N, C-alpha and C. Protein backbone atom coordinates (compact mmCIF):
# COMPACT_ATOMS: atom_id res chain seq x y z
N MET A 1 0.84 -1.18 0.00
CA MET A 1 0.00 0.00 0.00
C MET A 1 0.89 1.25 0.00
N MET A 2 0.58 2.20 -0.90
CA MET A 2 1.38 3.42 -1.03
C MET A 2 1.00 4.43 0.04
N SER A 3 2.00 5.13 0.53
CA SER A 3 1.72 6.20 1.48
C SER A 3 1.25 7.44 0.74
N VAL A 4 0.66 8.34 1.48
CA VAL A 4 0.16 9.59 0.89
C VAL A 4 1.33 10.40 0.33
N LEU A 5 2.45 10.42 1.02
CA LEU A 5 3.62 11.17 0.58
C LEU A 5 4.14 10.64 -0.75
N THR A 6 4.17 9.33 -0.92
CA THR A 6 4.63 8.74 -2.18
C THR A 6 3.71 9.13 -3.32
N ARG A 7 2.40 9.14 -3.09
CA ARG A 7 1.45 9.52 -4.14
C ARG A 7 1.59 11.01 -4.49
N LEU A 8 1.85 11.84 -3.50
CA LEU A 8 2.03 13.27 -3.77
C LEU A 8 3.28 13.52 -4.59
N ARG A 9 4.34 12.80 -4.30
CA ARG A 9 5.59 12.98 -5.05
C ARG A 9 5.41 12.58 -6.50
N ARG A 10 4.67 11.53 -6.75
CA ARG A 10 4.45 11.09 -8.13
C ARG A 10 3.59 12.10 -8.89
N GLY A 11 2.69 12.78 -8.22
CA GLY A 11 1.81 13.75 -8.87
C GLY A 11 2.55 14.99 -9.33
N GLU A 12 3.71 15.28 -8.79
CA GLU A 12 4.46 16.48 -9.15
C GLU A 12 5.61 16.19 -10.10
N ALA A 13 5.65 15.02 -10.67
CA ALA A 13 6.73 14.68 -11.62
C ALA A 13 6.66 15.62 -12.81
N GLY A 14 7.79 16.23 -13.17
CA GLY A 14 7.83 17.13 -14.31
C GLY A 14 7.54 18.59 -13.97
N MET A 15 7.20 18.89 -12.76
CA MET A 15 6.90 20.27 -12.39
C MET A 15 8.14 21.16 -12.50
N THR A 16 9.27 20.64 -12.16
CA THR A 16 10.49 21.45 -12.22
C THR A 16 10.78 21.87 -13.66
N THR A 17 10.60 20.97 -14.59
CA THR A 17 10.83 21.28 -16.00
C THR A 17 9.85 22.35 -16.48
N ALA A 18 8.60 22.25 -16.07
CA ALA A 18 7.61 23.25 -16.47
C ALA A 18 7.94 24.61 -15.88
N GLU A 19 8.42 24.64 -14.66
CA GLU A 19 8.78 25.90 -14.03
C GLU A 19 9.98 26.54 -14.74
N TYR A 20 10.94 25.72 -15.13
CA TYR A 20 12.08 26.25 -15.89
C TYR A 20 11.62 26.81 -17.23
N ALA A 21 10.69 26.14 -17.88
CA ALA A 21 10.19 26.60 -19.17
C ALA A 21 9.49 27.95 -19.03
N VAL A 22 8.67 28.10 -18.02
CA VAL A 22 7.98 29.37 -17.80
C VAL A 22 8.98 30.47 -17.48
N GLY A 23 9.97 30.16 -16.67
CA GLY A 23 11.01 31.14 -16.33
C GLY A 23 11.82 31.55 -17.54
N THR A 24 12.12 30.59 -18.42
CA THR A 24 12.88 30.89 -19.62
C THR A 24 12.09 31.79 -20.57
N VAL A 25 10.81 31.49 -20.74
CA VAL A 25 9.96 32.32 -21.61
C VAL A 25 9.84 33.73 -21.04
N ALA A 26 9.69 33.84 -19.73
CA ALA A 26 9.59 35.17 -19.11
C ALA A 26 10.90 35.94 -19.27
N ALA A 27 12.03 35.27 -19.10
CA ALA A 27 13.33 35.94 -19.26
C ALA A 27 13.54 36.40 -20.70
N CYS A 28 13.13 35.59 -21.66
CA CYS A 28 13.26 35.99 -23.08
C CYS A 28 12.36 37.18 -23.39
N GLY A 29 11.16 37.19 -22.85
CA GLY A 29 10.25 38.32 -23.05
C GLY A 29 10.82 39.59 -22.46
N PHE A 30 11.35 39.50 -21.25
CA PHE A 30 11.95 40.67 -20.60
C PHE A 30 13.16 41.15 -21.39
N GLY A 31 13.96 40.22 -21.88
CA GLY A 31 15.13 40.59 -22.68
C GLY A 31 14.72 41.30 -23.96
N GLY A 32 13.66 40.85 -24.59
CA GLY A 32 13.17 41.50 -25.80
C GLY A 32 12.70 42.92 -25.55
N VAL A 33 11.97 43.11 -24.46
CA VAL A 33 11.50 44.45 -24.10
C VAL A 33 12.68 45.35 -23.77
N LEU A 34 13.65 44.84 -23.04
CA LEU A 34 14.84 45.62 -22.69
C LEU A 34 15.63 45.99 -23.93
N LEU A 35 15.78 45.07 -24.86
CA LEU A 35 16.49 45.35 -26.10
C LEU A 35 15.78 46.44 -26.89
N LYS A 36 14.47 46.34 -27.00
CA LYS A 36 13.70 47.34 -27.74
C LYS A 36 13.84 48.72 -27.07
N LEU A 37 13.80 48.74 -25.75
CA LEU A 37 13.93 50.00 -25.03
C LEU A 37 15.31 50.62 -25.22
N LEU A 38 16.35 49.80 -25.07
CA LEU A 38 17.72 50.34 -25.14
C LEU A 38 18.14 50.72 -26.54
N THR A 39 17.47 50.22 -27.56
CA THR A 39 17.82 50.60 -28.93
C THR A 39 16.88 51.67 -29.49
N SER A 40 15.99 52.19 -28.66
CA SER A 40 15.10 53.25 -29.13
C SER A 40 15.90 54.55 -29.30
N ASP A 41 15.43 55.41 -30.18
CA ASP A 41 16.15 56.65 -30.47
C ASP A 41 16.33 57.52 -29.24
N THR A 42 15.32 57.59 -28.41
CA THR A 42 15.38 58.44 -27.21
C THR A 42 16.46 57.97 -26.25
N VAL A 43 16.50 56.68 -25.98
CA VAL A 43 17.49 56.16 -25.03
C VAL A 43 18.90 56.25 -25.61
N VAL A 44 19.04 55.96 -26.89
CA VAL A 44 20.37 56.08 -27.52
C VAL A 44 20.86 57.51 -27.43
N ARG A 45 19.97 58.47 -27.66
CA ARG A 45 20.34 59.89 -27.57
C ARG A 45 20.74 60.25 -26.14
N LEU A 46 20.00 59.78 -25.16
CA LEU A 46 20.33 60.07 -23.75
C LEU A 46 21.69 59.49 -23.36
N ILE A 47 21.94 58.26 -23.76
CA ILE A 47 23.22 57.63 -23.42
C ILE A 47 24.37 58.33 -24.13
N THR A 48 24.17 58.69 -25.39
CA THR A 48 25.21 59.41 -26.14
C THR A 48 25.52 60.75 -25.49
N ASP A 49 24.50 61.50 -25.11
CA ASP A 49 24.71 62.78 -24.43
C ASP A 49 25.44 62.60 -23.11
N LEU A 50 25.08 61.58 -22.36
CA LEU A 50 25.72 61.30 -21.08
C LEU A 50 27.21 61.00 -21.27
N ILE A 51 27.54 60.19 -22.27
CA ILE A 51 28.94 59.85 -22.53
C ILE A 51 29.71 61.08 -23.00
N ARG A 52 29.10 61.90 -23.86
CA ARG A 52 29.77 63.12 -24.32
C ARG A 52 30.07 64.07 -23.17
N ARG A 53 29.10 64.23 -22.27
CA ARG A 53 29.33 65.10 -21.10
C ARG A 53 30.43 64.56 -20.20
N ALA A 54 30.43 63.27 -20.00
CA ALA A 54 31.46 62.67 -19.15
C ALA A 54 32.84 62.83 -19.78
N LEU A 55 32.94 62.66 -21.09
CA LEU A 55 34.24 62.81 -21.75
C LEU A 55 34.69 64.26 -21.78
N SER A 56 33.74 65.18 -21.91
CA SER A 56 34.13 66.60 -21.93
C SER A 56 34.63 67.05 -20.56
N LEU A 57 34.14 66.46 -19.50
CA LEU A 57 34.64 66.79 -18.17
C LEU A 57 36.01 66.20 -17.92
N ALA A 58 36.29 65.06 -18.53
CA ALA A 58 37.57 64.37 -18.33
C ALA A 58 38.69 65.05 -19.11
N ILE A 59 38.37 65.74 -20.17
CA ILE A 59 39.41 66.32 -21.03
C ILE A 59 39.84 67.67 -20.51
């Protein structure tokens, strides 16, 4: 006769793989949004201005 704990363990087989899959999809989605944001004209202009100001202070 199987114990309750043994039956519960069998019911969760594969859950770790599913959790990794969901985490991977979420990370890829976040990476895509971040890439789109960082390559937008506004952000590129802000970063370029920031670097120019920093270099002008150093010279």
